[in-house]
């Protein structure tokens, strides 16, 4: 990764800046973590992490804030202007890094465009260059909710990155157990027979480190495999994107939730969120993989 003058930190310093800003934001009340407890639920060869909200009032307050409207019916945009107490660093001339105000996972960051771009527009080289800058510093899981039906809660374009460990018991990322079993693809998108929905996976070269142009070409290959038509803007294919330093996966979506259980990109990584014990019981009775199957598009 080549650092430019527009990057607001020295190589190796992003993690310490995130930690310092987290302490500051907690002290000033700008960061409002959402408490959860968790259980593991297995289905279809995958061990799902299911988080259960410990404080529904806090989550409902967060949802109301996310959906707040301005005077003329203008949708609320928490990123224009952004809260300076949540600002971490500049990533480029076009993107910056913020803490996720209502975080479930510690040190969850957002990679947002400085100027407004819609979440329903395709990702660009600038998006992936900003993501690569962050991922060169943090070997975590990045994701993108491509549209409302893919679980996006804000229209302002933003990628997200969570540092390890995603699982509180420090076990591996659930999806890794499936991705690592796949045979080499020779540059062609592949799918796993263990995932009963439309998806595509490609490896990334971990040795060369995160590269924006490589990520962009991989993303385009995956989305084209799922049926994306680049000339259509806004996009007509809702999708979830998951990115690590070693692989990228895309999932085609058809609906935001199933049986009241919402799903965003993290669901396909193996992490789901439910609001109360009743919803947890419902999820267990159906099975997490069943929920994913219903919110995603059918297999080819």
Protein backbone atom coordinates (compact mmCIF):
# COMPACT_ATOMS: atom_id res chain seq x y z
CA UNK A 1 0.00 0.00 0.00
CA UNK A 2 1.40 3.39 -1.03
CA UNK A 3 0.54 6.19 1.40
CA UNK A 4 -0.11 9.63 -0.08
CA UNK A 5 -0.03 13.07 1.59
CA UNK A 6 -3.84 12.96 1.77
CA UNK A 7 -3.75 10.07 4.26
CA UNK A 8 -4.08 11.51 7.74
CA UNK A 9 -1.81 9.10 9.59
CA UNK A 10 1.61 7.52 9.32
CA UNK A 11 1.87 3.84 8.31
CA UNK A 12 1.00 1.68 11.31
CA UNK A 13 -0.83 4.44 13.20
CA UNK A 14 -4.49 3.96 12.25
CA UNK A 15 -5.22 1.44 15.02
CA UNK A 16 -3.85 3.73 17.73
CA UNK A 17 -5.89 6.63 16.33
CA UNK A 18 -9.04 4.49 16.45
CA UNK A 19 -8.33 3.55 20.07
CA UNK A 20 -7.67 7.16 21.12
CA UNK A 21 -10.76 8.47 19.36
CA UNK A 22 -12.86 5.70 20.90
CA UNK A 23 -11.82 6.77 24.41
CA UNK A 24 -12.53 10.41 23.53
CA UNK A 25 -15.94 9.64 21.99
CA UNK A 26 -16.97 7.53 24.98
CA UNK A 27 -15.94 10.28 27.40
CA UNK A 28 -18.01 12.87 25.51
CA UNK A 29 -21.01 10.61 24.87
CA UNK A 30 -20.61 10.71 21.09
CA UNK A 31 -20.10 6.94 20.92
CA UNK A 32 -23.07 4.93 22.18
CA UNK A 33 -22.30 1.20 22.09
CA UNK A 34 -25.30 -1.16 22.01
CA UNK A 35 -25.06 -3.89 24.64
CA UNK A 36 -25.63 -7.48 23.58
CA UNK A 37 -25.19 -11.01 24.81
CA UNK A 38 -24.54 -13.85 22.40
CA UNK A 39 -25.06 -17.51 21.59
CA UNK A 40 -23.80 -19.82 18.86
CA UNK A 41 -26.34 -21.61 16.65
CA UNK A 42 -25.20 -24.20 14.11
CA UNK A 43 -26.85 -25.07 10.82
CA UNK A 44 -25.64 -26.27 7.44
CA UNK A 45 -22.03 -26.77 8.48
CA UNK A 46 -21.69 -23.20 9.77
CA UNK A 47 -21.47 -22.02 13.38
CA UNK A 48 -23.43 -18.76 13.52
CA UNK A 49 -22.80 -16.06 16.10
CA UNK A 50 -26.18 -14.67 17.21
CA UNK A 51 -26.17 -11.48 19.25
CA UNK A 52 -29.21 -10.66 21.39
CA UNK A 53 -29.91 -7.06 22.32
CA UNK A 54 -29.52 -6.50 26.04
CA UNK A 55 -31.10 -3.03 25.87
CA UNK A 56 -33.95 -2.75 23.36
CA UNK A 57 -34.66 0.84 24.39
CA UNK A 58 -31.13 1.87 23.34
CA UNK A 59 -31.53 0.12 19.97
CA UNK A 60 -34.94 1.70 19.35
CA UNK A 61 -33.46 5.10 20.17
CA UNK A 62 -30.65 4.41 17.71
CA UNK A 63 -33.12 3.40 15.01
CA UNK A 64 -35.13 6.57 15.52
CA UNK A 65 -31.98 8.68 15.25
CA UNK A 66 -30.96 6.89 12.08
CA UNK A 67 -34.37 7.58 10.52
CA UNK A 68 -34.82 11.13 11.76
CA UNK A 69 -36.05 13.63 9.18
CA UNK A 70 -35.35 17.30 8.67
CA UNK A 71 -37.81 20.10 8.35
CA UNK A 72 -38.77 19.67 4.67
CA UNK A 73 -38.94 15.90 4.79
CA UNK A 74 -35.26 15.68 3.91
CA UNK A 75 -33.75 12.37 5.10
CA UNK A 76 -31.41 12.68 8.04
CA UNK A 77 -27.76 12.24 7.05
CA UNK A 78 -25.38 11.69 10.01
CA UNK A 79 -22.36 12.06 7.71
CA UNK A 80 -23.06 15.57 6.37
CA UNK A 81 -21.91 17.09 8.55
CA UNK A 82 -20.33 14.28 10.54
CA UNK A 83 -19.81 14.45 14.28
CA UNK A 84 -16.20 15.62 14.80
CA UNK A 85 -16.03 13.59 18.02
CA UNK A 86 -16.37 10.45 15.87
CA UNK A 87 -13.74 11.48 13.29
CA UNK A 88 -10.68 9.20 13.14
CA UNK A 89 -8.63 10.16 10.10
CA UNK A 90 -8.55 11.19 6.47
CA UNK A 91 -8.10 8.23 4.12
CA UNK A 92 -7.88 10.16 0.83
CA UNK A 93 -9.10 13.33 -0.85
CA UNK A 94 -12.49 11.63 -1.32
CA UNK A 95 -12.94 9.48 1.81
CA UNK A 96 -12.55 9.66 5.58
CA UNK A 97 -12.87 7.33 8.53
CA UNK A 98 -15.41 7.65 11.36
CA UNK A 99 -16.30 5.54 14.38
CA UNK A 100 -19.67 3.81 14.10
CA UNK A 101 -21.80 5.73 16.61
CA UNK A 102 -24.10 2.84 17.55
CA UNK A 103 -21.59 0.02 17.50
CA UNK A 104 -22.14 -3.59 18.55
CA UNK A 105 -18.52 -4.63 17.85
CA UNK A 106 -15.77 -2.58 19.50
CA UNK A 107 -13.77 -0.26 17.22
CA UNK A 108 -16.19 -0.67 14.29
CA UNK A 109 -15.27 1.99 11.72
CA UNK A 110 -17.03 3.53 8.72
CA UNK A 111 -15.33 4.56 5.48
CA UNK A 112 -17.48 7.33 4.02
CA UNK A 113 -17.38 9.62 1.00
CA UNK A 114 -16.75 13.29 1.83
CA UNK A 115 -19.38 14.43 -0.68
CA UNK A 116 -22.76 12.74 -0.85
CA UNK A 117 -22.90 9.63 -3.02
CA UNK A 118 -25.86 7.28 -2.87
CA UNK A 119 -25.54 3.82 -1.34
CA UNK A 120 -27.34 2.56 -4.44
CA UNK A 121 -24.47 3.51 -6.75
CA UNK A 122 -21.74 1.05 -7.72
CA UNK A 123 -18.48 1.05 -5.82
CA UNK A 124 -15.59 2.83 -7.54
CA UNK A 125 -11.79 2.76 -7.59
CA UNK A 126 -11.77 5.64 -5.08
CA UNK A 127 -13.95 3.58 -2.71
CA UNK A 128 -11.62 0.60 -2.91
CA UNK A 129 -8.46 2.68 -2.59
CA UNK A 130 -9.81 4.15 0.65
CA UNK A 131 -10.78 0.67 1.84
CA UNK A 132 -7.33 -0.69 0.92
CA UNK A 133 -5.68 2.06 2.96
CA UNK A 134 -7.69 1.04 6.02
CA UNK A 135 -7.25 -2.70 5.47
CA UNK A 136 -3.50 -2.32 5.12
CA UNK A 137 -3.62 -1.20 8.75
CA UNK A 138 -6.37 -3.49 10.10
CA UNK A 139 -6.62 -7.17 9.16
CA UNK A 140 -10.36 -7.30 9.73
CA UNK A 141 -13.62 -7.91 7.90
CA UNK A 142 -14.89 -5.18 5.57
CA UNK A 143 -18.41 -5.13 4.22
CA UNK A 144 -20.85 -3.13 2.13
CA UNK A 145 -24.64 -3.24 2.16
CA UNK A 146 -25.56 -2.45 -1.44
CA UNK A 147 -29.00 -0.91 -1.08
CA UNK A 148 -31.96 -0.97 1.30
CA UNK A 149 -32.89 -4.56 0.45
CA UNK A 150 -29.33 -5.56 1.37
CA UNK A 151 -29.64 -4.06 4.86
CA UNK A 152 -28.36 -0.52 4.26
CA UNK A 153 -29.68 1.90 6.88
CA UNK A 154 -28.14 5.08 5.42
CA UNK A 155 -28.25 6.43 1.86
CA UNK A 156 -24.85 8.15 2.10
CA UNK A 157 -22.29 5.72 0.65
CA UNK A 158 -20.22 4.03 3.34
CA UNK A 159 -18.18 0.87 3.65
CA UNK A 160 -17.62 -0.68 7.06
CA UNK A 161 -14.69 -2.44 8.71
CA UNK A 162 -14.65 -4.43 11.94
CA UNK A 163 -11.34 -5.50 13.48
CA UNK A 164 -10.77 -9.00 14.79
CA UNK A 165 -12.08 -10.83 16.61
CA UNK A 166 -15.62 -10.73 15.23
CA UNK A 167 -16.56 -13.54 17.63
CA UNK A 168 -16.32 -12.62 21.34
CA UNK A 169 -14.77 -16.02 22.15
CA UNK A 170 -12.01 -15.21 19.62
CA UNK A 171 -12.96 -18.15 17.40
CA UNK A 172 -12.39 -17.78 13.62
CA UNK A 173 -14.78 -15.91 11.38
CA UNK A 174 -17.63 -18.40 10.77
CA UNK A 175 -17.60 -17.95 7.00
CA UNK A 176 -13.88 -18.75 6.89
CA UNK A 177 -14.69 -22.39 7.68
CA UNK A 178 -16.55 -22.59 4.36
CA UNK A 179 -14.31 -20.39 2.19
CA UNK A 180 -11.16 -22.32 3.12
CA UNK A 181 -12.66 -25.56 1.80
CA UNK A 182 -13.08 -24.21 -1.74
CA UNK A 183 -10.83 -25.44 -4.53
CA UNK A 184 -8.67 -22.89 -6.42
CA UNK A 185 -10.80 -20.96 -8.90
CA UNK A 186 -8.16 -20.01 -11.51
CA UNK A 187 -9.55 -16.49 -11.57
CA UNK A 188 -13.19 -17.48 -12.04
CA UNK A 189 -15.81 -16.81 -9.34
CA UNK A 190 -16.82 -19.94 -7.44
CA UNK A 191 -19.62 -20.82 -5.06
CA UNK A 192 -19.85 -23.21 -2.14
CA UNK A 193 -22.38 -26.06 -2.18
CA UNK A 194 -22.84 -25.40 1.53
CA UNK A 195 -24.40 -21.97 0.91
CA UNK A 196 -27.96 -22.36 -0.49
CA UNK A 197 -28.27 -18.94 -2.10
CA UNK A 198 -26.80 -16.98 -5.00
CA UNK A 199 -23.25 -15.93 -4.18
CA UNK A 200 -19.78 -15.72 -5.69
CA UNK A 201 -16.31 -15.91 -4.11
CA UNK A 202 -12.81 -15.06 -5.35
CA UNK A 203 -9.43 -15.12 -3.58
CA UNK A 204 -7.28 -12.03 -3.04
CA UNK A 205 -3.48 -11.98 -3.00
CA UNK A 206 -2.60 -11.56 0.66
CA UNK A 207 1.14 -11.30 -0.04
CA UNK A 208 0.82 -8.12 -2.11
CA UNK A 209 -1.38 -6.51 0.53
CA UNK A 210 -4.69 -4.71 -0.05
CA UNK A 211 -4.71 -2.97 -3.45
CA UNK A 212 -7.58 -0.79 -4.62
CA UNK A 213 -7.35 -1.72 -8.31
CA UNK A 214 -7.23 -5.45 -7.52
CA UNK A 215 -10.21 -5.13 -5.21
CA UNK A 216 -12.17 -3.23 -7.88
CA UNK A 217 -11.53 -5.83 -10.59
CA UNK A 218 -12.43 -8.66 -8.19
CA UNK A 219 -15.62 -6.86 -7.16
CA UNK A 220 -16.63 -6.36 -10.79
CA UNK A 221 -16.00 -10.02 -11.59
CA UNK A 222 -18.16 -11.14 -8.67
CA UNK A 223 -21.02 -8.75 -9.43
CA UNK A 224 -20.99 -9.56 -13.15
CA UNK A 225 -21.22 -13.23 -12.22
CA UNK A 226 -24.32 -12.41 -10.17
CA UNK A 227 -25.89 -10.49 -13.04
CA UNK A 228 -24.92 -6.85 -12.45
CA UNK A 229 -25.44 -4.44 -15.34
CA UNK A 230 -23.05 -1.52 -14.88
CA UNK A 231 -24.94 0.78 -17.25
CA UNK A 232 -27.91 0.75 -14.87
CA UNK A 233 -27.64 3.53 -12.29
CA UNK A 234 -28.86 3.49 -9.63
CA UNK A 235 -28.03 -0.16 -9.36
CA UNK A 236 -30.84 -2.67 -9.86
CA UNK A 237 -29.07 -5.54 -8.07
CA UNK A 238 -29.18 -5.32 -4.26
CA UNK A 239 -26.15 -7.15 -2.88
CA UNK A 240 -23.90 -7.69 0.10
CA UNK A 241 -20.12 -7.57 -0.19
CA UNK A 242 -17.67 -9.14 2.26
CA UNK A 243 -13.91 -8.52 2.05
CA UNK A 244 -10.91 -9.86 3.95
CA UNK A 245 -7.25 -9.69 2.99
CA UNK A 246 -7.51 -13.16 1.45
CA UNK A 247 -10.95 -13.33 -0.21
CA UNK A 248 -13.99 -11.39 -1.40
CA UNK A 249 -17.58 -12.61 -1.53
CA UNK A 250 -20.77 -11.11 -2.97
CA UNK A 251 -24.36 -12.21 -2.32
CA UNK A 252 -27.40 -11.22 -4.41
CA UNK A 253 -30.33 -10.04 -2.25
CA UNK A 254 -34.09 -9.95 -2.70
CA UNK A 255 -35.38 -8.67 0.66
CA UNK A 256 -34.15 -6.90 3.78
CA UNK A 257 -35.52 -9.32 6.40
CA UNK A 258 -37.34 -12.59 6.91
CA UNK A 259 -39.92 -13.27 9.62
CA UNK A 260 -38.98 -9.91 11.23
CA UNK A 261 -35.27 -10.86 11.43
CA UNK A 262 -33.14 -8.26 9.59
CA UNK A 263 -30.01 -9.33 7.73
CA UNK A 264 -27.11 -7.26 6.46
CA UNK A 265 -23.69 -8.33 5.18
CA UNK A 266 -22.56 -9.62 8.57
CA UNK A 267 -25.31 -12.25 8.46
CA UNK A 268 -23.58 -13.91 5.52
CA UNK A 269 -20.28 -13.79 7.40
CA UNK A 270 -22.03 -15.78 10.13
CA UNK A 271 -23.15 -13.04 12.54
CA UNK A 272 -26.82 -12.18 13.12
CA UNK A 273 -28.58 -9.76 15.48
CA UNK A 274 -31.97 -10.34 17.15
CA UNK A 275 -33.90 -7.93 19.34
CA UNK A 276 -35.14 -10.20 22.14
CA UNK A 277 -35.40 -13.82 23.38
CA UNK A 278 -38.60 -14.39 21.37
CA UNK A 279 -36.84 -13.49 18.15
CA UNK A 280 -33.91 -15.69 19.17
CA UNK A 281 -36.30 -18.62 19.64
CA UNK A 282 -37.79 -17.94 16.21
CA UNK A 283 -34.34 -17.87 14.63
CA UNK A 284 -33.41 -21.15 16.31
CA UNK A 285 -36.61 -22.82 15.14
CA UNK A 286 -36.02 -21.81 11.50
CA UNK A 287 -32.23 -22.00 11.50
CA UNK A 288 -29.88 -19.12 10.57
CA UNK A 289 -29.02 -20.60 7.16
CA UNK A 290 -32.73 -20.79 6.36
CA UNK A 291 -33.09 -17.09 7.10
CA UNK A 292 -30.17 -16.29 4.81
CA UNK A 293 -31.68 -18.42 2.06
CA UNK A 294 -34.94 -16.46 2.20
CA UNK A 295 -33.42 -12.97 2.14
CA UNK A 296 -30.94 -13.79 -0.64
CA UNK A 297 -31.74 -14.62 -4.24
CA UNK A 298 -32.18 -18.24 -5.22
CA UNK A 299 -29.30 -20.30 -6.49
CA UNK A 300 -28.56 -20.25 -10.23
